[in-house]
mmCIF file of all heavy atoms, coordinates in Angstrom:
data_MODEL
# 
_entry.id   MODEL 
# 
loop_
_atom_site.group_PDB 
_atom_site.id 
_atom_site.type_symbol 
_atom_site.label_atom_id 
_atom_site.label_alt_id 
_atom_site.label_comp_id 
_atom_site.label_asym_id 
_atom_site.label_entity_id 
_atom_site.label_seq_id 
_atom_site.pdbx_PDB_ins_code 
_atom_site.Cartn_x 
_atom_site.Cartn_y 
_atom_site.Cartn_z 
_atom_site.occupancy 
_atom_site.B_iso_or_equiv 
_atom_site.pdbx_formal_charge 
_atom_site.auth_seq_id 
_atom_site.auth_comp_id 
_atom_site.auth_asym_id 
_atom_site.auth_atom_id 
_atom_site.pdbx_PDB_model_num 
ATOM 1   N N   . GLN A 1 1  ? 107.496 116.513 99.240  1.00 0.00 ? 1  GLN A N   1 
ATOM 2   C CA  . GLN A 1 1  ? 106.562 117.401 98.601  1.00 0.00 ? 1  GLN A CA  1 
ATOM 3   C C   . GLN A 1 1  ? 106.795 118.793 99.034  1.00 0.00 ? 1  GLN A C   1 
ATOM 4   O O   . GLN A 1 1  ? 106.808 119.793 98.316  1.00 0.00 ? 1  GLN A O   1 
ATOM 5   C CB  . GLN A 1 1  ? 105.171 117.017 99.100  1.00 0.00 ? 1  GLN A CB  1 
ATOM 6   C CG  . GLN A 1 1  ? 104.031 117.981 98.507  1.00 0.00 ? 1  GLN A CG  1 
ATOM 7   C CD  . GLN A 1 1  ? 102.613 117.552 98.980  1.00 0.00 ? 1  GLN A CD  1 
ATOM 8   O OE1 . GLN A 1 1  ? 102.437 116.570 99.741  1.00 0.00 ? 1  GLN A OE1 1 
ATOM 9   N NE2 . GLN A 1 1  ? 101.648 118.300 98.494  1.00 0.00 ? 1  GLN A NE2 1 
ATOM 10  N N   . GLY A 1 2  ? 107.020 118.979 100.394 1.00 0.00 ? 2  GLY A N   1 
ATOM 11  C CA  . GLY A 1 2  ? 107.315 120.308 100.900 1.00 0.00 ? 2  GLY A CA  1 
ATOM 12  C C   . GLY A 1 2  ? 108.559 121.029 100.405 1.00 0.00 ? 2  GLY A C   1 
ATOM 13  O O   . GLY A 1 2  ? 108.614 122.156 100.273 1.00 0.00 ? 2  GLY A O   1 
ATOM 14  N N   . LEU A 1 3  ? 109.574 120.146 100.195 1.00 0.00 ? 3  LEU A N   1 
ATOM 15  C CA  . LEU A 1 3  ? 110.818 120.679 99.633  1.00 0.00 ? 3  LEU A CA  1 
ATOM 16  C C   . LEU A 1 3  ? 110.703 121.111 98.169  1.00 0.00 ? 3  LEU A C   1 
ATOM 17  O O   . LEU A 1 3  ? 111.222 122.189 97.759  1.00 0.00 ? 3  LEU A O   1 
ATOM 18  C CB  . LEU A 1 3  ? 111.850 119.659 99.762  1.00 0.00 ? 3  LEU A CB  1 
ATOM 19  C CG  . LEU A 1 3  ? 113.309 119.931 99.160  1.00 0.00 ? 3  LEU A CG  1 
ATOM 20  C CD1 . LEU A 1 3  ? 114.000 121.173 99.915  1.00 0.00 ? 3  LEU A CD1 1 
ATOM 21  C CD2 . LEU A 1 3  ? 114.144 118.751 99.153  1.00 0.00 ? 3  LEU A CD2 1 
ATOM 22  N N   . CYS A 1 4  ? 110.013 120.223 97.392  1.00 0.00 ? 4  CYS A N   1 
ATOM 23  C CA  . CYS A 1 4  ? 110.033 120.495 95.911  1.00 0.00 ? 4  CYS A CA  1 
ATOM 24  C C   . CYS A 1 4  ? 108.889 121.154 95.308  1.00 0.00 ? 4  CYS A C   1 
ATOM 25  O O   . CYS A 1 4  ? 109.030 121.777 94.277  1.00 0.00 ? 4  CYS A O   1 
ATOM 26  C CB  . CYS A 1 4  ? 110.217 119.083 95.172  1.00 0.00 ? 4  CYS A CB  1 
ATOM 27  S SG  . CYS A 1 4  ? 111.746 118.130 95.742  1.00 0.00 ? 4  CYS A SG  1 
ATOM 28  N N   . GLU A 1 5  ? 107.762 121.118 95.914  1.00 0.00 ? 5  GLU A N   1 
ATOM 29  C CA  . GLU A 1 5  ? 106.464 121.739 95.423  1.00 0.00 ? 5  GLU A CA  1 
ATOM 30  C C   . GLU A 1 5  ? 106.603 123.078 95.133  1.00 0.00 ? 5  GLU A C   1 
ATOM 31  O O   . GLU A 1 5  ? 106.164 123.596 94.100  1.00 0.00 ? 5  GLU A O   1 
ATOM 32  C CB  . GLU A 1 5  ? 105.275 121.326 96.263  1.00 0.00 ? 5  GLU A CB  1 
ATOM 33  C CG  . GLU A 1 5  ? 103.981 121.444 95.508  1.00 0.00 ? 5  GLU A CG  1 
ATOM 34  C CD  . GLU A 1 5  ? 102.803 120.847 96.335  1.00 0.00 ? 5  GLU A CD  1 
ATOM 35  O OE1 . GLU A 1 5  ? 102.556 121.366 97.286  1.00 0.00 ? 5  GLU A OE1 1 
ATOM 36  O OE2 . GLU A 1 5  ? 102.297 119.855 95.798  1.00 0.00 ? 5  GLU A OE2 1 
ATOM 37  N N   . PRO A 1 6  ? 107.154 123.911 95.959  1.00 0.00 ? 6  PRO A N   1 
ATOM 38  C CA  . PRO A 1 6  ? 107.360 125.379 95.708  1.00 0.00 ? 6  PRO A CA  1 
ATOM 39  C C   . PRO A 1 6  ? 108.138 125.650 94.482  1.00 0.00 ? 6  PRO A C   1 
ATOM 40  O O   . PRO A 1 6  ? 108.101 126.753 93.878  1.00 0.00 ? 6  PRO A O   1 
ATOM 41  C CB  . PRO A 1 6  ? 107.951 125.964 96.986  1.00 0.00 ? 6  PRO A CB  1 
ATOM 42  C CG  . PRO A 1 6  ? 107.640 124.952 98.055  1.00 0.00 ? 6  PRO A CG  1 
ATOM 43  C CD  . PRO A 1 6  ? 107.604 123.671 97.399  1.00 0.00 ? 6  PRO A CD  1 
ATOM 44  N N   . ILE A 1 7  ? 109.058 124.748 94.097  1.00 0.00 ? 7  ILE A N   1 
ATOM 45  C CA  . ILE A 1 7  ? 109.814 124.876 92.852  1.00 0.00 ? 7  ILE A CA  1 
ATOM 46  C C   . ILE A 1 7  ? 109.179 124.367 91.652  1.00 0.00 ? 7  ILE A C   1 
ATOM 47  O O   . ILE A 1 7  ? 109.141 125.097 90.663  1.00 0.00 ? 7  ILE A O   1 
ATOM 48  C CB  . ILE A 1 7  ? 111.218 124.097 93.137  1.00 0.00 ? 7  ILE A CB  1 
ATOM 49  C CG1 . ILE A 1 7  ? 111.873 124.626 94.343  1.00 0.00 ? 7  ILE A CG1 1 
ATOM 50  C CG2 . ILE A 1 7  ? 112.116 124.293 91.891  1.00 0.00 ? 7  ILE A CG2 1 
ATOM 51  C CD1 . ILE A 1 7  ? 113.097 123.751 94.799  1.00 0.00 ? 7  ILE A CD1 1 
ATOM 52  N N   . VAL A 1 8  ? 108.576 123.231 91.579  1.00 0.00 ? 8  VAL A N   1 
ATOM 53  C CA  . VAL A 1 8  ? 107.953 122.704 90.395  1.00 0.00 ? 8  VAL A CA  1 
ATOM 54  C C   . VAL A 1 8  ? 106.515 123.309 90.222  1.00 0.00 ? 8  VAL A C   1 
ATOM 55  O O   . VAL A 1 8  ? 106.014 123.330 89.102  1.00 0.00 ? 8  VAL A O   1 
ATOM 56  C CB  . VAL A 1 8  ? 107.870 121.171 90.386  1.00 0.00 ? 8  VAL A CB  1 
ATOM 57  C CG1 . VAL A 1 8  ? 109.307 120.591 90.493  1.00 0.00 ? 8  VAL A CG1 1 
ATOM 58  C CG2 . VAL A 1 8  ? 107.098 120.665 91.687  1.00 0.00 ? 8  VAL A CG2 1 
ATOM 59  N N   . GLN A 1 9  ? 105.879 123.662 91.332  1.00 0.00 ? 9  GLN A N   1 
ATOM 60  C CA  . GLN A 1 9  ? 104.585 124.360 91.334  1.00 0.00 ? 9  GLN A CA  1 
ATOM 61  C C   . GLN A 1 9  ? 103.504 123.451 90.598  1.00 0.00 ? 9  GLN A C   1 
ATOM 62  O O   . GLN A 1 9  ? 102.772 123.978 89.778  1.00 0.00 ? 9  GLN A O   1 
ATOM 63  C CB  . GLN A 1 9  ? 104.617 125.773 90.748  1.00 0.00 ? 9  GLN A CB  1 
ATOM 64  C CG  . GLN A 1 9  ? 105.507 126.655 91.532  1.00 0.00 ? 9  GLN A CG  1 
ATOM 65  C CD  . GLN A 1 9  ? 105.538 128.109 90.997  1.00 0.00 ? 9  GLN A CD  1 
ATOM 66  O OE1 . GLN A 1 9  ? 105.190 128.341 89.907  1.00 0.00 ? 9  GLN A OE1 1 
ATOM 67  N NE2 . GLN A 1 9  ? 105.785 128.925 91.917  1.00 0.00 ? 9  GLN A NE2 1 
ATOM 68  N N   . ASP A 1 10 ? 103.599 122.177 90.785  1.00 0.00 ? 10 ASP A N   1 
ATOM 69  C CA  . ASP A 1 10 ? 102.588 121.231 90.324  1.00 0.00 ? 10 ASP A CA  1 
ATOM 70  C C   . ASP A 1 10 ? 102.584 120.064 91.288  1.00 0.00 ? 10 ASP A C   1 
ATOM 71  O O   . ASP A 1 10 ? 103.279 120.010 92.218  1.00 0.00 ? 10 ASP A O   1 
ATOM 72  C CB  . ASP A 1 10 ? 102.768 120.897 88.901  1.00 0.00 ? 10 ASP A CB  1 
ATOM 73  C CG  . ASP A 1 10 ? 104.059 120.064 88.611  1.00 0.00 ? 10 ASP A CG  1 
ATOM 74  O OD1 . ASP A 1 10 ? 104.525 119.382 89.481  1.00 0.00 ? 10 ASP A OD1 1 
ATOM 75  O OD2 . ASP A 1 10 ? 104.636 120.222 87.470  1.00 0.00 ? 10 ASP A OD2 1 
ATOM 76  N N   . ARG A 1 11 ? 101.680 119.019 90.973  1.00 0.00 ? 11 ARG A N   1 
ATOM 77  C CA  . ARG A 1 11 ? 101.554 117.967 91.893  1.00 0.00 ? 11 ARG A CA  1 
ATOM 78  C C   . ARG A 1 11 ? 102.581 116.814 91.679  1.00 0.00 ? 11 ARG A C   1 
ATOM 79  O O   . ARG A 1 11 ? 102.538 115.773 92.295  1.00 0.00 ? 11 ARG A O   1 
ATOM 80  C CB  . ARG A 1 11 ? 100.131 117.429 91.928  1.00 0.00 ? 11 ARG A CB  1 
ATOM 81  C CG  . ARG A 1 11 ? 99.668  116.811 90.669  1.00 0.00 ? 11 ARG A CG  1 
ATOM 82  C CD  . ARG A 1 11 ? 98.311  116.081 90.867  1.00 0.00 ? 11 ARG A CD  1 
ATOM 83  N NE  . ARG A 1 11 ? 98.607  114.899 91.707  1.00 0.00 ? 11 ARG A NE  1 
ATOM 84  C CZ  . ARG A 1 11 ? 97.653  114.216 92.364  1.00 0.00 ? 11 ARG A CZ  1 
ATOM 85  N NH1 . ARG A 1 11 ? 96.389  114.744 92.575  1.00 0.00 ? 11 ARG A NH1 1 
ATOM 86  N NH2 . ARG A 1 11 ? 97.885  113.110 93.184  1.00 0.00 ? 11 ARG A NH2 1 
ATOM 87  N N   . SER A 1 12 ? 103.606 117.089 90.818  1.00 0.00 ? 12 SER A N   1 
ATOM 88  C CA  . SER A 1 12 ? 104.564 115.965 90.510  1.00 0.00 ? 12 SER A CA  1 
ATOM 89  C C   . SER A 1 12 ? 105.348 115.587 91.840  1.00 0.00 ? 12 SER A C   1 
ATOM 90  O O   . SER A 1 12 ? 105.732 114.517 91.951  1.00 0.00 ? 12 SER A O   1 
ATOM 91  C CB  . SER A 1 12 ? 105.505 116.422 89.458  1.00 0.00 ? 12 SER A CB  1 
ATOM 92  O OG  . SER A 1 12 ? 106.190 117.611 89.717  1.00 0.00 ? 12 SER A OG  1 
ATOM 93  N N   . ALA A 1 13 ? 105.671 116.646 92.707  1.00 0.00 ? 13 ALA A N   1 
ATOM 94  C CA  . ALA A 1 13 ? 106.366 116.392 93.885  1.00 0.00 ? 13 ALA A CA  1 
ATOM 95  C C   . ALA A 1 13 ? 105.509 115.523 94.814  1.00 0.00 ? 13 ALA A C   1 
ATOM 96  O O   . ALA A 1 13 ? 106.019 114.608 95.481  1.00 0.00 ? 13 ALA A O   1 
ATOM 97  C CB  . ALA A 1 13 ? 106.732 117.680 94.544  1.00 0.00 ? 13 ALA A CB  1 
ATOM 98  N N   . PHE A 1 14 ? 104.224 115.765 94.883  1.00 0.00 ? 14 PHE A N   1 
ATOM 99  C CA  . PHE A 1 14 ? 103.295 115.001 95.673  1.00 0.00 ? 14 PHE A CA  1 
ATOM 100 C C   . PHE A 1 14 ? 103.275 113.509 95.270  1.00 0.00 ? 14 PHE A C   1 
ATOM 101 O O   . PHE A 1 14 ? 103.409 112.614 96.026  1.00 0.00 ? 14 PHE A O   1 
ATOM 102 C CB  . PHE A 1 14 ? 101.935 115.495 95.728  1.00 0.00 ? 14 PHE A CB  1 
ATOM 103 C CG  . PHE A 1 14 ? 100.870 114.581 96.353  1.00 0.00 ? 14 PHE A CG  1 
ATOM 104 C CD1 . PHE A 1 14 ? 100.736 114.494 97.732  1.00 0.00 ? 14 PHE A CD1 1 
ATOM 105 C CD2 . PHE A 1 14 ? 100.027 113.830 95.544  1.00 0.00 ? 14 PHE A CD2 1 
ATOM 106 C CE1 . PHE A 1 14 ? 99.879  113.477 98.240  1.00 0.00 ? 14 PHE A CE1 1 
ATOM 107 C CE2 . PHE A 1 14 ? 99.111  112.951 96.075  1.00 0.00 ? 14 PHE A CE2 1 
ATOM 108 C CZ  . PHE A 1 14 ? 99.021  112.798 97.439  1.00 0.00 ? 14 PHE A CZ  1 
ATOM 109 N N   . ASP A 1 15 ? 103.133 113.394 93.970  1.00 0.00 ? 15 ASP A N   1 
ATOM 110 C CA  . ASP A 1 15 ? 103.099 112.046 93.267  1.00 0.00 ? 15 ASP A CA  1 
ATOM 111 C C   . ASP A 1 15 ? 104.392 111.278 93.638  1.00 0.00 ? 15 ASP A C   1 
ATOM 112 O O   . ASP A 1 15 ? 104.336 110.113 93.985  1.00 0.00 ? 15 ASP A O   1 
ATOM 113 C CB  . ASP A 1 15 ? 102.841 112.103 91.738  1.00 0.00 ? 15 ASP A CB  1 
ATOM 114 C CG  . ASP A 1 15 ? 101.574 112.781 91.415  1.00 0.00 ? 15 ASP A CG  1 
ATOM 115 O OD1 . ASP A 1 15 ? 100.582 112.527 92.280  1.00 0.00 ? 15 ASP A OD1 1 
ATOM 116 O OD2 . ASP A 1 15 ? 101.350 113.215 90.349  1.00 0.00 ? 15 ASP A OD2 1 
ATOM 117 N N   . ALA A 1 16 ? 105.487 111.954 93.501  1.00 0.00 ? 16 ALA A N   1 
ATOM 118 C CA  . ALA A 1 16 ? 106.817 111.303 93.720  1.00 0.00 ? 16 ALA A CA  1 
ATOM 119 C C   . ALA A 1 16 ? 106.876 110.853 95.166  1.00 0.00 ? 16 ALA A C   1 
ATOM 120 O O   . ALA A 1 16 ? 107.530 109.770 95.452  1.00 0.00 ? 16 ALA A O   1 
ATOM 121 C CB  . ALA A 1 16 ? 107.933 112.193 93.345  1.00 0.00 ? 16 ALA A CB  1 
ATOM 122 N N   . SER A 1 17 ? 106.355 111.668 96.089  1.00 0.00 ? 17 SER A N   1 
ATOM 123 C CA  . SER A 1 17 ? 106.580 111.327 97.525  1.00 0.00 ? 17 SER A CA  1 
ATOM 124 C C   . SER A 1 17 ? 105.781 110.072 97.956  1.00 0.00 ? 17 SER A C   1 
ATOM 125 O O   . SER A 1 17 ? 106.096 109.611 99.079  1.00 0.00 ? 17 SER A O   1 
ATOM 126 C CB  . SER A 1 17 ? 106.150 112.617 98.392  1.00 0.00 ? 17 SER A CB  1 
ATOM 127 O OG  . SER A 1 17 ? 104.651 112.752 98.301  1.00 0.00 ? 17 SER A OG  1 
ATOM 128 N N   . GLN A 1 18 ? 104.908 109.599 97.041  1.00 0.00 ? 18 GLN A N   1 
ATOM 129 C CA  . GLN A 1 18 ? 104.142 108.405 97.528  1.00 0.00 ? 18 GLN A CA  1 
ATOM 130 C C   . GLN A 1 18 ? 104.923 107.146 97.399  1.00 0.00 ? 18 GLN A C   1 
ATOM 131 O O   . GLN A 1 18 ? 104.476 106.061 97.992  1.00 0.00 ? 18 GLN A O   1 
ATOM 132 C CB  . GLN A 1 18 ? 102.866 108.269 96.582  1.00 0.00 ? 18 GLN A CB  1 
ATOM 133 C CG  . GLN A 1 18 ? 102.002 109.496 96.636  1.00 0.00 ? 18 GLN A CG  1 
ATOM 134 C CD  . GLN A 1 18 ? 101.639 109.928 98.086  1.00 0.00 ? 18 GLN A CD  1 
ATOM 135 O OE1 . GLN A 1 18 ? 101.006 109.284 98.678  1.00 0.00 ? 18 GLN A OE1 1 
ATOM 136 N NE2 . GLN A 1 18 ? 102.105 111.110 98.433  1.00 0.00 ? 18 GLN A NE2 1 
ATOM 137 N N   . ASP A 1 19 ? 106.113 107.168 96.853  1.00 0.00 ? 19 ASP A N   1 
ATOM 138 C CA  . ASP A 1 19 ? 106.890 106.033 96.715  1.00 0.00 ? 19 ASP A CA  1 
ATOM 139 C C   . ASP A 1 19 ? 108.343 106.442 96.944  1.00 0.00 ? 19 ASP A C   1 
ATOM 140 O O   . ASP A 1 19 ? 108.879 107.338 96.213  1.00 0.00 ? 19 ASP A O   1 
ATOM 141 C CB  . ASP A 1 19 ? 106.888 105.324 95.265  1.00 0.00 ? 19 ASP A CB  1 
ATOM 142 C CG  . ASP A 1 19 ? 107.764 104.169 95.028  1.00 0.00 ? 19 ASP A CG  1 
ATOM 143 O OD1 . ASP A 1 19 ? 107.338 103.068 95.442  1.00 0.00 ? 19 ASP A OD1 1 
ATOM 144 O OD2 . ASP A 1 19 ? 108.890 104.424 94.619  1.00 0.00 ? 19 ASP A OD2 1 
ATOM 145 N N   . PRO A 1 20 ? 109.153 105.773 97.945  1.00 0.00 ? 20 PRO A N   1 
ATOM 146 C CA  . PRO A 1 20 ? 110.390 106.329 98.341  1.00 0.00 ? 20 PRO A CA  1 
ATOM 147 C C   . PRO A 1 20 ? 111.445 106.186 97.177  1.00 0.00 ? 20 PRO A C   1 
ATOM 148 O O   . PRO A 1 20 ? 112.377 107.052 97.085  1.00 0.00 ? 20 PRO A O   1 
ATOM 149 C CB  . PRO A 1 20 ? 110.838 105.403 99.518  1.00 0.00 ? 20 PRO A CB  1 
ATOM 150 C CG  . PRO A 1 20 ? 109.965 104.174 99.349  1.00 0.00 ? 20 PRO A CG  1 
ATOM 151 C CD  . PRO A 1 20 ? 108.683 104.734 98.716  1.00 0.00 ? 20 PRO A CD  1 
ATOM 152 N N   . GLU A 1 21 ? 111.263 105.149 96.335  1.00 0.00 ? 21 GLU A N   1 
ATOM 153 C CA  . GLU A 1 21 ? 112.326 105.053 95.244  1.00 0.00 ? 21 GLU A CA  1 
ATOM 154 C C   . GLU A 1 21 ? 112.109 106.128 94.269  1.00 0.00 ? 21 GLU A C   1 
ATOM 155 O O   . GLU A 1 21 ? 113.060 106.793 93.757  1.00 0.00 ? 21 GLU A O   1 
ATOM 156 C CB  . GLU A 1 21 ? 112.140 103.707 94.529  1.00 0.00 ? 21 GLU A CB  1 
ATOM 157 C CG  . GLU A 1 21 ? 113.181 103.487 93.456  1.00 0.00 ? 21 GLU A CG  1 
ATOM 158 C CD  . GLU A 1 21 ? 112.902 102.040 92.809  1.00 0.00 ? 21 GLU A CD  1 
ATOM 159 O OE1 . GLU A 1 21 ? 112.123 101.209 93.402  1.00 0.00 ? 21 GLU A OE1 1 
ATOM 160 O OE2 . GLU A 1 21 ? 113.634 101.746 91.731  1.00 0.00 ? 21 GLU A OE2 1 
ATOM 161 N N   . ARG A 1 22 ? 110.859 106.483 93.940  1.00 0.00 ? 22 ARG A N   1 
ATOM 162 C CA  . ARG A 1 22 ? 110.603 107.541 93.022  1.00 0.00 ? 22 ARG A CA  1 
ATOM 163 C C   . ARG A 1 22 ? 111.051 108.926 93.633  1.00 0.00 ? 22 ARG A C   1 
ATOM 164 O O   . ARG A 1 22 ? 111.480 109.846 92.975  1.00 0.00 ? 22 ARG A O   1 
ATOM 165 C CB  . ARG A 1 22 ? 109.086 107.658 92.618  1.00 0.00 ? 22 ARG A CB  1 
ATOM 166 C CG  . ARG A 1 22 ? 108.637 106.483 91.709  1.00 0.00 ? 22 ARG A CG  1 
ATOM 167 C CD  . ARG A 1 22 ? 107.036 106.458 91.691  1.00 0.00 ? 22 ARG A CD  1 
ATOM 168 N NE  . ARG A 1 22 ? 106.501 107.821 91.353  1.00 0.00 ? 22 ARG A NE  1 
ATOM 169 C CZ  . ARG A 1 22 ? 105.212 108.127 91.697  1.00 0.00 ? 22 ARG A CZ  1 
ATOM 170 N NH1 . ARG A 1 22 ? 104.489 107.278 92.284  1.00 0.00 ? 22 ARG A NH1 1 
ATOM 171 N NH2 . ARG A 1 22 ? 104.901 109.348 91.287  1.00 0.00 ? 22 ARG A NH2 1 
ATOM 172 N N   . ALA A 1 23 ? 110.777 109.061 94.940  1.00 0.00 ? 23 ALA A N   1 
ATOM 173 C CA  . ALA A 1 23 ? 111.013 110.242 95.618  1.00 0.00 ? 23 ALA A CA  1 
ATOM 174 C C   . ALA A 1 23 ? 112.610 110.538 95.567  1.00 0.00 ? 23 ALA A C   1 
ATOM 175 O O   . ALA A 1 23 ? 112.983 111.662 95.334  1.00 0.00 ? 23 ALA A O   1 
ATOM 176 C CB  . ALA A 1 23 ? 110.672 110.181 97.059  1.00 0.00 ? 23 ALA A CB  1 
ATOM 177 N N   . ALA A 1 24 ? 113.371 109.539 95.775  1.00 0.00 ? 24 ALA A N   1 
ATOM 178 C CA  . ALA A 1 24 ? 114.923 109.699 95.660  1.00 0.00 ? 24 ALA A CA  1 
ATOM 179 C C   . ALA A 1 24 ? 115.309 110.177 94.318  1.00 0.00 ? 24 ALA A C   1 
ATOM 180 O O   . ALA A 1 24 ? 116.103 111.092 94.147  1.00 0.00 ? 24 ALA A O   1 
ATOM 181 C CB  . ALA A 1 24 ? 115.564 108.398 96.028  1.00 0.00 ? 24 ALA A CB  1 
ATOM 182 N N   . GLY A 1 25 ? 114.752 109.465 93.329  1.00 0.00 ? 25 GLY A N   1 
ATOM 183 C CA  . GLY A 1 25 ? 115.136 109.968 91.984  1.00 0.00 ? 25 GLY A CA  1 
ATOM 184 C C   . GLY A 1 25 ? 114.586 111.344 91.606  1.00 0.00 ? 25 GLY A C   1 
ATOM 185 O O   . GLY A 1 25 ? 115.326 112.080 90.927  1.00 0.00 ? 25 GLY A O   1 
ATOM 186 N N   . PHE A 1 26 ? 113.493 111.673 92.059  1.00 0.00 ? 26 PHE A N   1 
ATOM 187 C CA  . PHE A 1 26 ? 112.807 113.005 91.746  1.00 0.00 ? 26 PHE A CA  1 
ATOM 188 C C   . PHE A 1 26 ? 113.816 114.117 92.389  1.00 0.00 ? 26 PHE A C   1 
ATOM 189 O O   . PHE A 1 26 ? 114.073 115.010 91.673  1.00 0.00 ? 26 PHE A O   1 
ATOM 190 C CB  . PHE A 1 26 ? 111.511 113.060 92.353  1.00 0.00 ? 26 PHE A CB  1 
ATOM 191 C CG  . PHE A 1 26 ? 110.746 114.220 92.035  1.00 0.00 ? 26 PHE A CG  1 
ATOM 192 C CD1 . PHE A 1 26 ? 109.919 114.246 90.897  1.00 0.00 ? 26 PHE A CD1 1 
ATOM 193 C CD2 . PHE A 1 26 ? 110.693 115.392 92.849  1.00 0.00 ? 26 PHE A CD2 1 
ATOM 194 C CE1 . PHE A 1 26 ? 109.189 115.354 90.559  1.00 0.00 ? 26 PHE A CE1 1 
ATOM 195 C CE2 . PHE A 1 26 ? 110.018 116.520 92.552  1.00 0.00 ? 26 PHE A CE2 1 
ATOM 196 C CZ  . PHE A 1 26 ? 109.245 116.531 91.398  1.00 0.00 ? 26 PHE A CZ  1 
ATOM 197 N N   . VAL A 1 27 ? 114.148 113.934 93.663  1.00 0.00 ? 27 VAL A N   1 
ATOM 198 C CA  . VAL A 1 27 ? 114.970 114.892 94.303  1.00 0.00 ? 27 VAL A CA  1 
ATOM 199 C C   . VAL A 1 27 ? 116.403 115.051 93.675  1.00 0.00 ? 27 VAL A C   1 
ATOM 200 O O   . VAL A 1 27 ? 116.943 116.079 93.404  1.00 0.00 ? 27 VAL A O   1 
ATOM 201 C CB  . VAL A 1 27 ? 115.066 114.624 95.788  1.00 0.00 ? 27 VAL A CB  1 
ATOM 202 C CG1 . VAL A 1 27 ? 116.048 115.763 96.422  1.00 0.00 ? 27 VAL A CG1 1 
ATOM 203 C CG2 . VAL A 1 27 ? 113.636 114.782 96.410  1.00 0.00 ? 27 VAL A CG2 1 
# 
């Protein structure tokens, strides 16, 4: 969330961070 949220500027980074598999794909 801290890495990506300033770039996407929405809560999608927070949502992705709740699951490590989703987080890896998101980044």
